[in-house]
Amino acid sequence: MNAPLYNAEILRLAASIPYHERLTAPMATAERRSPICGSRVTVDVDMGADGRVAAVGLLVRACALGQASSSLLASSIVGRTPAELAAARDAITAWLARTGDAPDWPGMDVFAPALDYTARHPSIRLAFEAAAEAAETAANSASGHAEVSVTAPASASAGTDV
């Protein structure tokens, strides 16, 4: 690919993450970490009575790609169902692996230059993986608070890097 991996749009997104503070008492929390690069994204969610995300909070300690992905997630997560978030997560995973079409999530095309850099894919997926897990946990939780923490398997992070 000819486009630079860390382009101006990636850097703009990384510097402007919406909902960049944790929720005080979320219905569910999920954290994803990449053991390869150390990136970490924590997503808190509250679900509305309609089963859609009503509030979100993020703690993002990641590279520019992870920050940019978190920014895109946060920009469009409110109003989404757990099923929509799981579908977005799965579509992003398939697209990055070149086994699916570009995901139907606003702005994801900014990551097209990263398709050839498989070691960067886990950072791009972290926010969506955590959000899908938190939303599903919140939807299934009757107790009002649940927390999940997962480290991405090293085999999922293997690949070439620049």
Protein backbone atom coordinates (compact mmCIF):
# COMPACT_ATOMS: atom_id res chain seq x y z
CA MET A 1 0.00 0.00 0.00
CA ASN A 2 1.19 3.48 -0.78
CA ALA A 3 -0.72 5.36 1.93
CA PRO A 4 1.20 5.99 5.16
CA LEU A 5 0.20 3.84 8.11
CA TYR A 6 0.11 6.76 10.52
CA ASN A 7 -1.62 9.38 8.41
CA ALA A 8 -3.08 12.74 9.45
CA GLU A 9 -6.59 11.30 9.89
CA ILE A 10 -5.34 8.51 12.19
CA LEU A 11 -3.48 11.06 14.29
CA ARG A 12 -6.50 13.40 14.38
CA LEU A 13 -8.76 10.58 15.56
CA ALA A 14 -6.19 9.47 18.15
CA ALA A 15 -6.10 12.96 19.62
CA SER A 16 -9.89 13.35 19.86
CA ILE A 17 -11.44 10.31 21.57
CA PRO A 18 -15.03 10.99 22.63
CA TYR A 19 -16.21 9.61 26.00
CA HIS A 20 -12.61 9.36 27.17
CA GLU A 21 -13.52 9.08 30.84
CA ARG A 22 -14.73 5.98 32.68
CA LEU A 23 -18.35 5.76 33.81
CA THR A 24 -18.84 6.04 37.56
CA ALA A 25 -21.00 2.92 38.01
CA PRO A 26 -21.28 1.11 34.67
CA MET A 27 -23.59 -1.82 34.08
CA ALA A 28 -20.61 -3.65 32.57
CA THR A 29 -16.92 -3.19 31.91
CA ALA A 30 -14.60 -5.07 29.60
CA GLU A 31 -10.90 -4.62 29.02
CA ARG A 32 -8.80 -5.93 26.16
CA ARG A 33 -5.01 -5.97 26.07
CA SER A 34 -2.53 -6.91 23.41
CA PRO A 35 0.48 -8.76 24.82
CA ILE A 36 2.51 -7.92 21.71
CA CYS A 37 2.46 -4.12 21.99
CA GLY A 38 0.95 -3.53 25.43
CA SER A 39 -2.03 -1.57 24.13
CA ARG A 40 -5.02 -1.64 26.47
CA VAL A 41 -8.59 -0.44 26.07
CA THR A 42 -11.23 -0.48 28.81
CA VAL A 43 -14.87 0.10 27.83
CA ASP A 44 -17.68 0.82 30.30
CA VAL A 45 -21.28 0.68 29.11
CA ASP A 46 -24.75 1.38 30.39
CA MET A 47 -27.65 -0.06 28.47
CA GLY A 48 -31.01 1.60 28.08
CA ALA A 49 -34.37 -0.07 28.64
CA ASP A 50 -34.51 -0.58 24.86
CA GLY A 51 -31.41 -2.83 24.96
CA ARG A 52 -29.16 -0.28 23.27
CA VAL A 53 -26.01 1.38 24.56
CA ALA A 54 -27.12 4.49 26.45
CA ALA A 55 -23.75 5.61 27.84
CA VAL A 56 -20.12 4.72 27.30
CA GLY A 57 -16.83 5.53 28.95
CA LEU A 58 -13.36 4.61 27.78
CA LEU A 59 -9.87 4.34 29.21
CA VAL A 60 -7.48 4.03 26.29
CA ARG A 61 -3.80 3.31 26.77
CA ALA A 62 -2.83 2.34 23.25
CA CYS A 63 -0.81 3.27 20.20
CA ALA A 64 -2.18 5.76 17.67
CA LEU A 65 -4.03 2.98 15.81
CA GLY A 66 -5.70 1.75 18.98
CA GLN A 67 -6.58 5.31 19.95
CA ALA A 68 -8.00 6.06 16.49
CA SER A 69 -10.07 2.87 16.54
CA SER A 70 -11.37 3.77 20.01
CA SER A 71 -12.31 7.19 18.70
CA LEU A 72 -14.31 5.68 15.81
CA LEU A 73 -16.01 3.25 18.17
CA ALA A 74 -16.96 5.98 20.64
CA SER A 75 -18.27 8.26 17.90
CA SER A 76 -20.96 5.77 16.87
CA ILE A 77 -21.54 3.35 19.77
CA VAL A 78 -24.44 5.09 21.54
CA GLY A 79 -27.71 3.63 20.32
CA ARG A 80 -26.16 0.33 19.15
CA THR A 81 -27.31 -3.09 20.32
CA PRO A 82 -24.98 -5.82 21.58
CA ALA A 83 -25.69 -7.75 18.36
CA GLU A 84 -24.68 -4.74 16.22
CA LEU A 85 -21.44 -4.36 18.19
CA ALA A 86 -20.66 -8.07 17.85
CA ALA A 87 -21.34 -7.86 14.11
CA ALA A 88 -19.03 -4.83 13.81
CA ARG A 89 -16.30 -6.63 15.77
CA ASP A 90 -16.60 -9.69 13.57
CA ALA A 91 -16.65 -7.64 10.35
CA ILE A 92 -13.55 -5.70 11.38
CA THR A 93 -11.75 -8.94 12.25
CA ALA A 94 -12.68 -10.50 8.90
CA TRP A 95 -11.73 -7.37 6.94
CA LEU A 96 -8.33 -7.10 8.62
CA ALA A 97 -7.73 -10.80 7.88
CA ARG A 98 -8.80 -10.15 4.27
CA THR A 99 -11.61 -12.68 4.54
CA GLY A 100 -14.42 -10.13 4.45
CA ASP A 101 -15.51 -6.82 3.03
CA ALA A 102 -14.83 -3.47 4.65
CA PRO A 103 -16.90 -3.15 7.84
CA ASP A 104 -20.04 -1.06 7.88
CA TRP A 105 -18.83 1.28 10.63
CA PRO A 106 -18.28 4.98 9.96
CA GLY A 107 -14.67 5.88 9.23
CA MET A 108 -13.09 2.40 9.29
CA ASP A 109 -11.64 2.90 5.80
CA VAL A 110 -8.94 5.02 7.48
CA PHE A 111 -7.34 1.71 8.49
CA ALA A 112 -6.94 0.41 4.93
CA PRO A 113 -3.17 1.17 4.99
CA ALA A 114 -2.88 -1.17 8.02
CA LEU A 115 -4.21 -4.23 6.18
CA ASP A 116 -0.67 -5.38 5.34
CA TYR A 117 0.61 -4.89 8.90
CA THR A 118 -0.90 -7.85 10.75
CA ALA A 119 0.95 -7.05 13.98
CA ARG A 120 -1.10 -3.82 14.14
CA HIS A 121 -4.47 -5.56 13.76
CA PRO A 122 -4.95 -6.40 17.46
CA SER A 123 -4.64 -2.73 18.41
CA ILE A 124 -7.28 -1.82 15.85
CA ARG A 125 -9.64 -4.53 17.17
CA LEU A 126 -9.25 -3.88 20.92
CA ALA A 127 -11.96 -1.24 21.38
CA PHE A 128 -14.52 -3.15 19.34
CA GLU A 129 -13.77 -6.42 21.13
CA ALA A 130 -14.10 -4.77 24.54
CA ALA A 131 -17.27 -2.89 23.57
CA ALA A 132 -18.98 -6.00 22.20
CA GLU A 133 -18.10 -7.94 25.36
CA ALA A 134 -19.22 -5.17 27.71
CA ALA A 135 -22.52 -4.66 25.90
CA GLU A 136 -23.28 -8.40 25.86
CA THR A 137 -22.38 -8.70 29.55
CA ALA A 138 -24.54 -5.70 30.45
CA ALA A 139 -27.46 -7.04 28.47
CA ASN A 140 -27.18 -10.43 30.19
CA SER A 141 -26.47 -9.11 33.67
CA ALA A 142 -29.28 -8.91 36.17
CA SER A 143 -26.99 -7.85 39.01
CA GLY A 144 -26.18 -4.45 37.57
CA HIS A 145 -22.38 -4.70 37.36
CA ALA A 146 -20.09 -7.07 35.55
CA GLU A 147 -16.45 -6.85 34.59
CA VAL A 148 -14.44 -8.79 32.03
CA SER A 149 -10.71 -8.58 31.31
CA VAL A 150 -9.13 -10.45 28.43
CA THR A 151 -5.65 -10.48 26.98
CA ALA A 152 -5.59 -11.15 23.26
CA PRO A 153 -3.81 -14.44 22.50
CA ALA A 154 -0.27 -13.95 21.22
CA SER A 155 -1.06 -16.11 18.19
CA ALA A 156 -3.77 -13.65 17.13
CA SER A 157 -1.21 -10.87 17.26
CA ALA A 158 1.53 -12.58 15.27
CA GLY A 159 2.54 -11.12 11.96
CA THR A 160 4.82 -8.70 10.26
CA ASP A 161 5.44 -5.30 11.69
CA VAL A 162 7.12 -2.12 10.61
